[in-house]
């Protein structure tokens, strides 16, 4: 939420002489009082109301969709089949130039700074180690992959060479650019699956 306080204008900016003189300027007229005092105060109060209302528009939104599920949309992004493994690719609303369109984002308002997503990742392998990692960044960022932009990670190791499956579900906030795009990168050392649900969006203030 960001609130920018207004300033009052034209309040008592041309006061009459305060010397008791009997002049036209010192005549008691409602039009003078209204112009110099009442109107500026009213305009100032209206501006405060408008600024407060605007500040509450740009707040975080975490909503359930029509069927009551804990997400904005049931339209899932299957990262592990739509996004190339071991590569950064962009994700965004339909027909906005992103590498991957996610229709769950189509109804998001302009000007948002981030989305919140539920990410479910799992990996399976027949050896002794398994890992699946997911990274995310702003759509205009050139950052590489690393701990600073890891949004989901699962790993497991064992000395017994039996098939193993590990799964995790996390909620993360991901920055988006002015086109509501973000980049995602995923990698795994076995057979990994990564899915995403949109659960909210918001503003930095």
N, C-alpha and C. Protein backbone atom coordinates (compact mmCIF):
# COMPACT_ATOMS: atom_id res chain seq x y z
N UNK A 1 0.84 -1.19 0.00
CA UNK A 1 0.00 0.00 0.00
C UNK A 1 0.88 1.24 0.00
N UNK A 2 0.57 2.21 -0.85
CA UNK A 2 1.34 3.45 -0.92
C UNK A 2 0.38 4.63 -0.84
N UNK A 3 0.63 5.52 0.12
CA UNK A 3 -0.24 6.69 0.30
C UNK A 3 0.57 7.95 0.09
N UNK A 4 0.13 8.79 -0.84
CA UNK A 4 0.77 10.08 -1.09
C UNK A 4 -0.17 11.18 -0.59
N UNK A 5 0.18 11.87 0.49
CA UNK A 5 -0.73 12.89 1.03
C UNK A 5 -0.86 14.08 0.11
N UNK A 6 -2.07 14.61 -0.06
CA UNK A 6 -2.26 15.80 -0.89
C UNK A 6 -1.85 17.06 -0.13
N UNK A 7 -1.79 18.17 -0.83
CA UNK A 7 -1.51 19.47 -0.22
C UNK A 7 -2.70 20.39 -0.45
N UNK A 8 -2.93 21.28 0.50
CA UNK A 8 -4.04 22.21 0.38
C UNK A 8 -3.61 23.41 -0.48
N UNK A 9 -4.52 23.87 -1.32
CA UNK A 9 -4.22 24.99 -2.23
C UNK A 9 -5.24 26.11 -2.03
N UNK A 10 -4.78 27.34 -2.23
CA UNK A 10 -5.62 28.54 -2.24
C UNK A 10 -6.29 28.84 -0.91
N UNK A 11 -5.78 28.24 0.17
CA UNK A 11 -6.38 28.52 1.48
C UNK A 11 -5.91 29.87 2.01
N UNK A 12 -6.85 30.83 2.15
CA UNK A 12 -6.54 32.15 2.70
C UNK A 12 -5.34 32.78 1.99
N UNK A 13 -5.28 32.61 0.67
CA UNK A 13 -4.11 33.12 -0.05
C UNK A 13 -4.20 34.60 -0.40
N UNK A 14 -5.35 35.22 -0.18
CA UNK A 14 -5.51 36.65 -0.46
C UNK A 14 -6.36 37.28 0.65
N UNK A 15 -5.84 37.28 1.88
CA UNK A 15 -6.65 37.77 3.00
C UNK A 15 -6.87 39.28 2.93
N UNK A 16 -7.99 39.78 3.50
CA UNK A 16 -8.24 41.22 3.54
C UNK A 16 -7.35 41.88 4.58
N UNK A 17 -7.26 43.20 4.56
CA UNK A 17 -6.47 43.91 5.58
C UNK A 17 -7.02 43.63 6.96
N UNK A 18 -6.13 43.45 7.91
CA UNK A 18 -6.56 43.15 9.28
C UNK A 18 -6.30 44.36 10.18
N UNK A 19 -6.81 45.52 9.74
CA UNK A 19 -6.54 46.76 10.48
C UNK A 19 -7.81 47.48 10.91
N UNK A 20 -8.96 46.80 10.74
CA UNK A 20 -10.22 47.42 11.14
C UNK A 20 -10.75 48.45 10.20
N UNK A 21 -10.11 48.62 9.05
CA UNK A 21 -10.55 49.65 8.10
C UNK A 21 -11.87 49.24 7.45
N UNK A 22 -12.69 50.24 7.21
CA UNK A 22 -13.98 49.99 6.58
C UNK A 22 -13.82 50.13 5.06
N UNK A 23 -13.38 49.04 4.43
CA UNK A 23 -13.13 49.02 2.99
C UNK A 23 -13.92 47.89 2.36
N UNK A 24 -13.95 47.88 1.02
CA UNK A 24 -14.65 46.81 0.29
C UNK A 24 -14.02 45.46 0.62
N UNK A 25 -12.69 45.44 0.75
CA UNK A 25 -12.01 44.18 1.04
C UNK A 25 -12.42 43.59 2.37
N UNK A 26 -12.84 44.45 3.33
CA UNK A 26 -13.21 43.97 4.65
C UNK A 26 -14.70 43.71 4.81
N UNK A 27 -15.46 43.83 3.73
CA UNK A 27 -16.87 43.52 3.83
C UNK A 27 -17.07 42.02 4.06
N UNK A 28 -18.05 41.71 4.94
CA UNK A 28 -18.34 40.30 5.22
C UNK A 28 -19.24 39.76 4.12
N UNK A 29 -18.67 38.97 3.22
CA UNK A 29 -19.40 38.37 2.12
C UNK A 29 -19.17 36.86 2.13
N UNK A 30 -20.25 36.11 1.96
CA UNK A 30 -20.11 34.64 1.91
C UNK A 30 -19.23 34.20 0.75
N UNK A 31 -19.31 34.90 -0.36
CA UNK A 31 -18.49 34.51 -1.51
C UNK A 31 -17.00 34.58 -1.20
N UNK A 32 -16.61 35.58 -0.39
CA UNK A 32 -15.20 35.70 -0.03
C UNK A 32 -14.81 34.57 0.92
N UNK A 33 -15.66 34.33 1.94
CA UNK A 33 -15.37 33.24 2.89
C UNK A 33 -15.30 31.90 2.17
N UNK A 34 -16.25 31.68 1.27
CA UNK A 34 -16.31 30.40 0.55
C UNK A 34 -15.06 30.20 -0.31
N UNK A 35 -14.66 31.24 -1.02
CA UNK A 35 -13.52 31.11 -1.92
C UNK A 35 -12.21 30.95 -1.17
N UNK A 36 -12.04 31.69 -0.08
CA UNK A 36 -10.77 31.72 0.63
C UNK A 36 -10.63 30.59 1.65
N UNK A 37 -11.73 30.14 2.23
CA UNK A 37 -11.63 29.18 3.33
C UNK A 37 -12.37 27.88 3.05
N UNK A 38 -13.67 27.96 2.78
CA UNK A 38 -14.48 26.76 2.68
C UNK A 38 -14.12 25.89 1.49
N UNK A 39 -14.03 26.49 0.30
CA UNK A 39 -13.73 25.69 -0.90
C UNK A 39 -12.38 24.98 -0.80
N UNK A 40 -11.29 25.66 -0.40
CA UNK A 40 -10.01 24.95 -0.28
C UNK A 40 -10.05 23.79 0.70
N UNK A 41 -10.77 23.97 1.84
CA UNK A 41 -10.85 22.88 2.81
C UNK A 41 -11.63 21.70 2.23
N UNK A 42 -12.72 21.99 1.52
CA UNK A 42 -13.49 20.92 0.90
C UNK A 42 -12.65 20.17 -0.14
N UNK A 43 -11.95 20.93 -0.98
CA UNK A 43 -11.12 20.30 -2.01
C UNK A 43 -10.02 19.45 -1.38
N UNK A 44 -9.47 19.93 -0.28
CA UNK A 44 -8.42 19.18 0.42
C UNK A 44 -8.98 17.88 1.00
N UNK A 45 -10.16 17.94 1.60
CA UNK A 45 -10.79 16.74 2.15
C UNK A 45 -11.11 15.74 1.04
N UNK A 46 -11.59 16.22 -0.09
CA UNK A 46 -11.88 15.33 -1.22
C UNK A 46 -10.61 14.66 -1.72
N UNK A 47 -9.51 15.43 -1.74
CA UNK A 47 -8.23 14.87 -2.22
C UNK A 47 -7.72 13.80 -1.26
N UNK A 48 -7.93 14.00 0.06
CA UNK A 48 -7.52 12.98 1.03
C UNK A 48 -8.31 11.70 0.79
N UNK A 49 -9.62 11.83 0.61
CA UNK A 49 -10.45 10.64 0.36
C UNK A 49 -9.99 9.89 -0.87
N UNK A 50 -9.69 10.64 -1.93
CA UNK A 50 -9.25 10.03 -3.19
C UNK A 50 -7.91 9.32 -3.01
N UNK A 51 -6.97 9.96 -2.31
CA UNK A 51 -5.65 9.36 -2.12
C UNK A 51 -5.73 8.10 -1.27
N UNK A 52 -6.54 8.12 -0.22
CA UNK A 52 -6.69 6.95 0.63
C UNK A 52 -7.32 5.80 -0.15
N UNK A 53 -8.36 6.12 -0.94
CA UNK A 53 -9.01 5.09 -1.75
C UNK A 53 -8.03 4.46 -2.72
N UNK A 54 -7.23 5.30 -3.39
CA UNK A 54 -6.26 4.79 -4.36
C UNK A 54 -5.21 3.91 -3.69
N UNK A 55 -4.80 4.29 -2.48
CA UNK A 55 -3.76 3.52 -1.80
C UNK A 55 -4.23 2.13 -1.45
N UNK A 56 -5.53 1.96 -1.20
CA UNK A 56 -6.04 0.65 -0.84
C UNK A 56 -6.36 -0.20 -2.06
N UNK A 57 -6.36 0.38 -3.25
CA UNK A 57 -6.58 -0.40 -4.47
C UNK A 57 -5.37 -1.28 -4.73
N UNK A 58 -4.16 -0.73 -4.54
CA UNK A 58 -2.94 -1.46 -4.84
C UNK A 58 -2.46 -2.25 -3.63
N UNK A 59 -3.19 -3.26 -3.27
CA UNK A 59 -2.81 -4.12 -2.17
C UNK A 59 -2.71 -5.55 -2.67
N UNK A 60 -2.12 -6.38 -1.83
CA UNK A 60 -1.99 -7.79 -2.21
C UNK A 60 -3.35 -8.45 -2.28
N UNK A 61 -3.50 -9.36 -3.21
CA UNK A 61 -4.75 -10.09 -3.39
C UNK A 61 -4.45 -11.58 -3.35
N UNK A 62 -5.06 -12.26 -2.40
CA UNK A 62 -4.96 -13.71 -2.32
C UNK A 62 -6.39 -14.24 -2.31
N UNK A 63 -6.77 -14.89 -3.37
CA UNK A 63 -8.19 -15.19 -3.55
C UNK A 63 -8.43 -16.66 -3.84
N UNK A 64 -9.64 -17.09 -3.58
CA UNK A 64 -10.12 -18.39 -4.03
C UNK A 64 -10.89 -18.19 -5.33
N UNK A 65 -10.84 -19.18 -6.20
CA UNK A 65 -11.64 -19.03 -7.42
C UNK A 65 -13.08 -19.45 -7.15
N UNK A 66 -13.88 -19.47 -8.17
CA UNK A 66 -15.32 -19.66 -8.00
C UNK A 66 -15.69 -20.97 -7.32
N UNK A 67 -14.87 -21.99 -7.49
CA UNK A 67 -15.21 -23.29 -6.89
C UNK A 67 -14.66 -23.45 -5.48
N UNK A 68 -14.04 -22.38 -4.95
CA UNK A 68 -13.56 -22.41 -3.59
C UNK A 68 -12.15 -22.93 -3.41
N UNK A 69 -11.50 -23.35 -4.48
CA UNK A 69 -10.12 -23.81 -4.35
C UNK A 69 -9.19 -22.66 -3.99
N UNK A 70 -8.10 -22.97 -3.35
CA UNK A 70 -7.19 -21.94 -2.83
C UNK A 70 -6.21 -21.45 -3.89
N UNK A 71 -6.76 -20.97 -5.00
CA UNK A 71 -5.93 -20.41 -6.06
C UNK A 71 -6.78 -19.45 -6.88
N UNK A 72 -6.12 -18.64 -7.69
CA UNK A 72 -6.84 -17.72 -8.56
C UNK A 72 -7.54 -18.47 -9.68
N UNK A 73 -6.88 -19.51 -10.17
CA UNK A 73 -7.41 -20.29 -11.29
C UNK A 73 -6.96 -21.73 -11.16
N UNK A 74 -7.77 -22.66 -11.63
CA UNK A 74 -7.38 -24.07 -11.64
C UNK A 74 -6.50 -24.42 -12.84
N UNK A 75 -6.22 -23.44 -13.69
CA UNK A 75 -5.38 -23.69 -14.86
C UNK A 75 -3.93 -23.84 -14.42
N UNK A 76 -3.42 -25.03 -14.50
CA UNK A 76 -2.08 -25.33 -14.00
C UNK A 76 -1.05 -25.07 -15.09
N UNK A 77 0.13 -24.62 -14.70
CA UNK A 77 1.27 -24.54 -15.61
C UNK A 77 2.15 -25.75 -15.33
N UNK A 78 2.24 -26.64 -16.31
CA UNK A 78 3.06 -27.84 -16.14
C UNK A 78 4.47 -27.50 -16.62
N UNK A 79 5.27 -27.01 -15.72
CA UNK A 79 6.60 -26.50 -16.06
C UNK A 79 7.45 -27.58 -16.72
N UNK A 80 7.36 -28.79 -16.20
CA UNK A 80 8.25 -29.86 -16.66
C UNK A 80 7.95 -30.35 -18.07
N UNK A 81 6.79 -29.97 -18.63
CA UNK A 81 6.51 -30.33 -20.03
C UNK A 81 6.46 -29.11 -20.94
N UNK A 82 6.14 -27.93 -20.39
CA UNK A 82 6.02 -26.74 -21.23
C UNK A 82 7.31 -25.94 -21.32
N UNK A 83 8.13 -26.01 -20.29
CA UNK A 83 9.36 -25.22 -20.24
C UNK A 83 10.56 -26.14 -20.48
N UNK A 84 11.47 -25.72 -21.34
CA UNK A 84 12.66 -26.52 -21.64
C UNK A 84 13.51 -26.69 -20.40
N UNK A 85 13.96 -27.91 -20.13
CA UNK A 85 14.78 -28.17 -18.96
C UNK A 85 16.14 -27.50 -19.13
N UNK A 86 16.70 -27.04 -18.02
CA UNK A 86 18.02 -26.40 -17.97
C UNK A 86 18.11 -25.15 -18.84
N UNK A 87 17.04 -24.39 -18.91
CA UNK A 87 17.05 -23.15 -19.70
C UNK A 87 16.09 -22.14 -19.08
N UNK A 88 16.44 -20.87 -19.15
CA UNK A 88 15.52 -19.82 -18.73
C UNK A 88 14.49 -19.58 -19.83
N UNK A 89 13.22 -19.59 -19.48
CA UNK A 89 12.16 -19.24 -20.41
C UNK A 89 11.16 -18.35 -19.70
N UNK A 90 10.53 -17.43 -20.46
CA UNK A 90 9.58 -16.50 -19.86
C UNK A 90 8.17 -17.10 -19.83
N UNK A 91 7.40 -16.66 -18.85
CA UNK A 91 6.01 -17.07 -18.69
C UNK A 91 5.18 -15.81 -18.50
N UNK A 92 4.01 -15.73 -19.14
CA UNK A 92 3.16 -14.56 -18.99
C UNK A 92 1.77 -14.80 -19.52
N UNK A 93 0.92 -13.76 -19.50
CA UNK A 93 -0.44 -13.91 -20.02
C UNK A 93 -0.45 -14.23 -21.51
N UNK A 94 -1.59 -14.66 -22.00
CA UNK A 94 -1.75 -15.01 -23.41
C UNK A 94 -1.48 -13.80 -24.30
N UNK A 95 -0.81 -14.05 -25.42
CA UNK A 95 -0.57 -13.04 -26.47
C UNK A 95 0.17 -11.81 -25.95
N UNK A 96 1.14 -12.02 -25.04
CA UNK A 96 1.95 -10.89 -24.57
C UNK A 96 3.42 -11.07 -24.90
N UNK A 97 3.74 -12.07 -25.73
CA UNK A 97 5.11 -12.26 -26.18
C UNK A 97 5.96 -13.15 -25.30
N UNK A 98 5.39 -13.77 -24.29
CA UNK A 98 6.16 -14.66 -23.42
C UNK A 98 6.44 -15.98 -24.14
N UNK A 99 7.52 -16.63 -23.76
CA UNK A 99 7.83 -17.94 -24.35
C UNK A 99 6.71 -18.95 -24.07
N UNK A 100 6.12 -18.83 -22.90
CA UNK A 100 5.06 -19.76 -22.49
C UNK A 100 3.86 -18.96 -21.98
N UNK A 101 2.70 -19.15 -22.58
CA UNK A 101 1.48 -18.47 -22.13
C UNK A 101 0.85 -19.28 -21.00
N UNK A 102 0.46 -18.56 -19.95
CA UNK A 102 -0.25 -19.18 -18.82
C UNK A 102 -1.56 -18.44 -18.68
N UNK A 103 -2.65 -19.05 -19.10
CA UNK A 103 -3.94 -18.36 -19.13
C UNK A 103 -4.44 -17.97 -17.74
N UNK A 104 -3.91 -18.59 -16.71
CA UNK A 104 -4.29 -18.20 -15.35
C UNK A 104 -3.92 -16.75 -15.06
N UNK A 105 -2.96 -16.20 -15.81
CA UNK A 105 -2.51 -14.83 -15.60
C UNK A 105 -3.27 -13.82 -16.45
N UNK A 106 -4.15 -14.29 -17.32
CA UNK A 106 -4.80 -13.38 -18.28
C UNK A 106 -5.62 -12.28 -17.61
N UNK A 107 -6.22 -12.56 -16.48
CA UNK A 107 -7.07 -11.57 -15.84
C UNK A 107 -6.37 -10.70 -14.82
N UNK A 108 -5.07 -10.80 -14.67
CA UNK A 108 -4.35 -10.01 -13.67
C UNK A 108 -4.31 -8.54 -14.08
N UNK A 109 -4.44 -7.62 -13.12
CA UNK A 109 -4.45 -6.19 -13.45
C UNK A 109 -3.06 -5.69 -13.84
N UNK A 110 -3.03 -4.59 -14.57
CA UNK A 110 -1.76 -3.97 -14.93
C UNK A 110 -1.12 -3.34 -13.70
N UNK A 111 0.19 -3.23 -13.72
CA UNK A 111 0.89 -2.54 -12.64
C UNK A 111 1.29 -3.41 -11.47
N UNK A 112 0.97 -4.70 -11.48
CA UNK A 112 1.37 -5.55 -10.37
C UNK A 112 2.88 -5.75 -10.39
N UNK A 113 3.45 -6.02 -9.21
CA UNK A 113 4.90 -6.20 -9.09
C UNK A 113 5.30 -7.66 -8.89
N UNK A 114 4.35 -8.49 -8.43
CA UNK A 114 4.69 -9.88 -8.19
C UNK A 114 3.44 -10.74 -8.23
N UNK A 115 3.68 -12.03 -8.41
CA UNK A 115 2.61 -13.01 -8.26
C UNK A 115 2.99 -13.96 -7.15
N UNK A 116 2.00 -14.62 -6.59
CA UNK A 116 2.27 -15.71 -5.66
C UNK A 116 1.82 -17.00 -6.32
N UNK A 117 2.65 -18.02 -6.22
CA UNK A 117 2.35 -19.30 -6.87
C UNK A 117 2.58 -20.45 -5.91
N UNK A 118 1.79 -21.48 -6.10
CA UNK A 118 2.00 -22.75 -5.39
C UNK A 118 2.73 -23.68 -6.35
N UNK A 119 3.91 -24.12 -5.97
CA UNK A 119 4.72 -24.98 -6.84
C UNK A 119 4.82 -26.37 -6.21
N UNK A 120 4.50 -27.35 -7.01
CA UNK A 120 4.64 -28.74 -6.56
C UNK A 120 5.70 -29.40 -7.43
N UNK A 121 6.74 -29.90 -6.79
CA UNK A 121 7.83 -30.53 -7.53
C UNK A 121 8.06 -31.93 -6.99
N UNK A 122 8.32 -32.84 -7.90
CA UNK A 122 8.65 -34.21 -7.49
C UNK A 122 9.70 -34.76 -8.43
N UNK A 123 10.45 -35.73 -7.96
CA UNK A 123 11.49 -36.35 -8.78
C UNK A 123 11.60 -37.81 -8.41
N UNK A 124 11.93 -38.61 -9.39
CA UNK A 124 12.09 -40.06 -9.16
C UNK A 124 13.32 -40.53 -9.90
N UNK A 125 14.02 -41.46 -9.33
CA UNK A 125 15.21 -42.01 -9.97
C UNK A 125 15.46 -43.40 -9.40
N UNK A 126 16.09 -44.25 -10.16
CA UNK A 126 16.35 -45.61 -9.70
C UNK A 126 17.68 -45.77 -9.01
N UNK A 127 18.48 -44.69 -8.95
CA UNK A 127 19.79 -44.79 -8.33
C UNK A 127 19.76 -44.38 -6.87
N UNK A 128 20.83 -43.77 -6.42
CA UNK A 128 20.95 -43.43 -5.00
C UNK A 128 20.77 -41.95 -4.71
N UNK A 129 20.58 -41.13 -5.72
CA UNK A 129 20.39 -39.71 -5.52
C UNK A 129 19.27 -39.19 -6.41
N UNK A 130 18.55 -38.20 -5.92
CA UNK A 130 17.50 -37.59 -6.71
C UNK A 130 17.41 -36.12 -6.32
N UNK A 131 17.15 -35.26 -7.31
CA UNK A 131 17.03 -33.83 -7.03
C UNK A 131 16.23 -33.16 -8.12
N UNK A 132 15.49 -32.15 -7.73
CA UNK A 132 14.76 -31.32 -8.69
C UNK A 132 14.76 -29.90 -8.14
N UNK A 133 15.18 -28.93 -8.95
CA UNK A 133 15.29 -27.55 -8.52
C UNK A 133 14.54 -26.64 -9.47
N UNK A 134 13.92 -25.58 -8.92
CA UNK A 134 13.17 -24.61 -9.70
C UNK A 134 13.66 -23.22 -9.31
N UNK A 135 13.93 -22.40 -10.33
CA UNK A 135 14.40 -21.04 -10.11
C UNK A 135 13.44 -20.07 -10.81
N UNK A 136 13.35 -18.84 -10.29
CA UNK A 136 12.48 -17.83 -10.91
C UNK A 136 13.11 -16.45 -10.77
N UNK A 137 12.78 -15.56 -11.72
CA UNK A 137 13.29 -14.19 -11.69
C UNK A 137 12.34 -13.29 -12.47
N UNK A 138 12.48 -11.99 -12.28
CA UNK A 138 11.76 -10.98 -13.05
C UNK A 138 12.00 -11.22 -14.54
N UNK A 139 10.97 -10.96 -15.34
CA UNK A 139 11.09 -11.20 -16.78
C UNK A 139 12.15 -10.39 -17.49
N UNK A 140 12.65 -9.30 -16.87
CA UNK A 140 13.69 -8.49 -17.48
C UNK A 140 15.05 -8.69 -16.83
N UNK A 141 15.14 -9.65 -15.90
CA UNK A 141 16.39 -9.89 -15.19
C UNK A 141 17.32 -10.76 -16.03
N UNK A 142 18.62 -10.59 -15.80
CA UNK A 142 19.61 -11.44 -16.47
C UNK A 142 20.38 -12.27 -15.45
N UNK A 143 19.85 -12.39 -14.24
CA UNK A 143 20.53 -13.16 -13.19
C UNK A 143 20.63 -14.63 -13.57
N UNK A 144 21.69 -15.27 -13.14
CA UNK A 144 21.86 -16.69 -13.36
C UNK A 144 21.11 -17.50 -12.32
N UNK A 145 21.34 -18.80 -12.30
CA UNK A 145 20.69 -19.64 -11.31
C UNK A 145 21.56 -19.73 -10.07
N UNK A 146 20.93 -19.76 -8.92
CA UNK A 146 21.68 -19.82 -7.68
C UNK A 146 20.75 -19.79 -6.49
N UNK A 147 21.31 -19.84 -5.28
CA UNK A 147 20.47 -19.83 -4.07
C UNK A 147 19.57 -18.61 -3.96
N UNK A 148 20.02 -17.48 -4.52
CA UNK A 148 19.24 -16.24 -4.38
C UNK A 148 17.94 -16.25 -5.16
N UNK A 149 17.79 -17.07 -6.19
CA UNK A 149 16.52 -17.13 -6.90
C UNK A 149 15.95 -18.55 -6.99
N UNK A 150 16.33 -19.40 -6.06
CA UNK A 150 15.73 -20.73 -5.95
C UNK A 150 14.37 -20.61 -5.29
N UNK A 151 13.33 -21.14 -5.92
CA UNK A 151 11.98 -21.06 -5.36
C UNK A 151 11.46 -22.42 -4.92
N UNK A 152 12.05 -23.48 -5.39
CA UNK A 152 11.66 -24.82 -4.94
C UNK A 152 12.84 -25.76 -5.13
N UNK A 153 13.05 -26.61 -4.17
CA UNK A 153 14.16 -27.55 -4.26
C UNK A 153 13.83 -28.80 -3.46
N UNK A 154 14.07 -29.95 -4.04
CA UNK A 154 13.95 -31.20 -3.32
C UNK A 154 15.15 -32.06 -3.66
N UNK A 155 15.64 -32.79 -2.69
CA UNK A 155 16.76 -33.70 -2.94
C UNK A 155 16.73 -34.83 -1.94
N UNK A 156 17.31 -35.94 -2.34
CA UNK A 156 17.32 -37.13 -1.49
C UNK A 156 18.46 -38.02 -1.95
N UNK A 157 19.10 -38.63 -1.01
CA UNK A 157 20.15 -39.58 -1.38
C UNK A 157 20.08 -40.79 -0.45
N UNK A 158 20.52 -41.92 -0.97
CA UNK A 158 20.46 -43.16 -0.21
C UNK A 158 21.54 -44.08 -0.74
N UNK A 159 21.99 -44.98 0.09
CA UNK A 159 23.00 -45.93 -0.36
C UNK A 159 22.39 -47.16 -1.02
N UNK A 160 21.07 -47.27 -0.94
CA UNK A 160 20.39 -48.42 -1.53
C UNK A 160 19.86 -48.02 -2.90
N UNK A 161 20.16 -48.81 -3.92
CA UNK A 161 19.78 -48.47 -5.28
C UNK A 161 18.36 -48.92 -5.61
N UNK A 162 17.39 -48.43 -4.85
CA UNK A 162 15.99 -48.68 -5.15
C UNK A 162 15.34 -47.42 -5.68
N UNK A 163 14.26 -47.58 -6.40
CA UNK A 163 13.57 -46.40 -6.94
C UNK A 163 13.01 -45.56 -5.81
N UNK A 164 13.16 -44.26 -5.94
CA UNK A 164 12.71 -43.34 -4.91
C UNK A 164 11.93 -42.19 -5.56
N UNK A 165 10.96 -41.68 -4.83
CA UNK A 165 10.20 -40.50 -5.28
C UNK A 165 10.13 -39.54 -4.10
N UNK A 166 10.48 -38.29 -4.34
CA UNK A 166 10.34 -37.26 -3.31
C UNK A 166 9.51 -36.13 -3.88
N UNK A 167 8.69 -35.50 -3.03
CA UNK A 167 7.77 -34.46 -3.48
C UNK A 167 7.74 -33.33 -2.46
N UNK A 168 7.62 -32.12 -2.95
CA UNK A 168 7.46 -30.97 -2.06
C UNK A 168 6.48 -29.97 -2.68
N UNK A 169 5.79 -29.23 -1.84
CA UNK A 169 4.91 -28.16 -2.29
C UNK A 169 5.25 -26.90 -1.52
N UNK A 170 5.48 -25.81 -2.23
CA UNK A 170 5.86 -24.55 -1.60
C UNK A 170 5.03 -23.41 -2.17
N UNK A 171 4.88 -22.34 -1.39
CA UNK A 171 4.25 -21.11 -1.87
C UNK A 171 5.33 -20.05 -1.96
N UNK A 172 5.43 -19.39 -3.11
CA UNK A 172 6.49 -18.41 -3.31
C UNK A 172 5.93 -17.16 -3.99
N UNK A 173 6.59 -16.04 -3.76
CA UNK A 173 6.31 -14.80 -4.49
C UNK A 173 7.37 -14.64 -5.56
N UNK A 174 6.93 -14.34 -6.78
CA UNK A 174 7.83 -14.22 -7.93
C UNK A 174 7.66 -12.83 -8.54
N UNK A 175 8.73 -12.05 -8.72
CA UNK A 175 8.60 -10.73 -9.32
C UNK A 175 8.23 -10.83 -10.79
N UNK A 176 7.42 -9.90 -11.26
CA UNK A 176 7.06 -9.83 -12.69
C UNK A 176 7.44 -8.46 -13.22
N UNK A 177 7.64 -8.38 -14.55
CA UNK A 177 7.98 -7.10 -15.15
C UNK A 177 6.71 -6.37 -15.58
N UNK A 178 6.87 -5.27 -16.31
CA UNK A 178 5.72 -4.44 -16.69
C UNK A 178 4.77 -5.16 -17.64
N UNK A 179 5.23 -6.23 -18.29
CA UNK A 179 4.37 -7.03 -19.16
C UNK A 179 3.75 -8.21 -18.41
N UNK A 180 3.97 -8.25 -17.09
CA UNK A 180 3.52 -9.35 -16.23
C UNK A 180 4.20 -10.67 -16.60
N UNK A 181 5.45 -10.57 -17.01
CA UNK A 181 6.24 -11.75 -17.34
C UNK A 181 7.20 -12.09 -16.20
N UNK A 182 7.45 -13.37 -16.03
CA UNK A 182 8.55 -13.82 -15.17
C UNK A 182 9.29 -14.92 -15.91
N UNK A 183 10.52 -15.16 -15.50
CA UNK A 183 11.32 -16.23 -16.09
C UNK A 183 11.39 -17.39 -15.12
N UNK A 184 11.44 -18.57 -15.67
CA UNK A 184 11.54 -19.77 -14.83
C UNK A 184 12.58 -20.72 -15.43
N UNK A 185 13.28 -21.43 -14.57
CA UNK A 185 14.33 -22.37 -14.96
C UNK A 185 14.20 -23.58 -14.05
N UNK A 186 14.21 -24.76 -14.64
CA UNK A 186 14.14 -25.95 -13.80
C UNK A 186 15.17 -26.97 -14.26
N UNK A 187 15.61 -27.79 -13.31
CA UNK A 187 16.62 -28.80 -13.59
C UNK A 187 16.40 -29.98 -12.67
N UNK A 188 16.74 -31.18 -13.14
CA UNK A 188 16.60 -32.35 -12.27
C UNK A 188 17.63 -33.39 -12.63
N UNK A 189 17.90 -34.27 -11.67
CA UNK A 189 18.88 -35.34 -11.88
C UNK A 189 18.20 -36.70 -12.01
N UNK A 190 16.89 -36.69 -12.19
CA UNK A 190 16.17 -37.94 -12.37
C UNK A 190 15.02 -37.69 -13.33
N UNK A 191 13.84 -38.13 -12.97
CA UNK A 191 12.65 -37.84 -13.75
C UNK A 191 11.79 -36.90 -12.93
N UNK A 192 11.85 -35.61 -13.26
CA UNK A 192 11.18 -34.62 -12.43
C UNK A 192 9.89 -34.11 -13.05
N UNK A 193 8.96 -33.71 -12.20
CA UNK A 193 7.75 -33.03 -12.64
C UNK A 193 7.56 -31.79 -11.78
N UNK A 194 7.19 -30.69 -12.43
CA UNK A 194 6.99 -29.42 -11.73
C UNK A 194 5.69 -28.81 -12.22
N UNK A 195 4.79 -28.48 -11.31
CA UNK A 195 3.53 -27.82 -11.67
C UNK A 195 3.37 -26.56 -10.83
N UNK A 196 2.63 -25.58 -11.38
CA UNK A 196 2.42 -24.31 -10.68
C UNK A 196 0.95 -23.92 -10.73
N UNK A 197 0.44 -23.38 -9.62
CA UNK A 197 -0.89 -22.79 -9.54
C UNK A 197 -0.74 -21.34 -9.10
N UNK A 198 -1.51 -20.45 -9.72
CA UNK A 198 -1.50 -19.05 -9.34
C UNK A 198 -2.40 -18.84 -8.12
N UNK A 199 -1.84 -18.31 -7.04
CA UNK A 199 -2.61 -18.15 -5.81
C UNK A 199 -2.79 -16.69 -5.39
N UNK A 200 -2.12 -15.75 -6.04
CA UNK A 200 -2.29 -14.36 -5.66
C UNK A 200 -1.39 -13.44 -6.46
N UNK A 201 -1.51 -12.14 -6.18
CA UNK A 201 -0.67 -11.13 -6.82
C UNK A 201 -0.66 -9.90 -5.94
N UNK A 202 0.26 -8.99 -6.22
CA UNK A 202 0.31 -7.81 -5.38
C UNK A 202 1.27 -6.75 -5.88
N UNK A 203 1.46 -5.74 -5.03
CA UNK A 203 2.24 -4.55 -5.36
C UNK A 203 3.28 -4.31 -4.28
N UNK A 204 4.38 -3.69 -4.67
CA UNK A 204 5.45 -3.42 -3.72
C UNK A 204 5.16 -2.19 -2.87
N UNK A 205 4.22 -1.37 -3.27
CA UNK A 205 3.85 -0.18 -2.48
C UNK A 205 4.55 1.08 -2.96
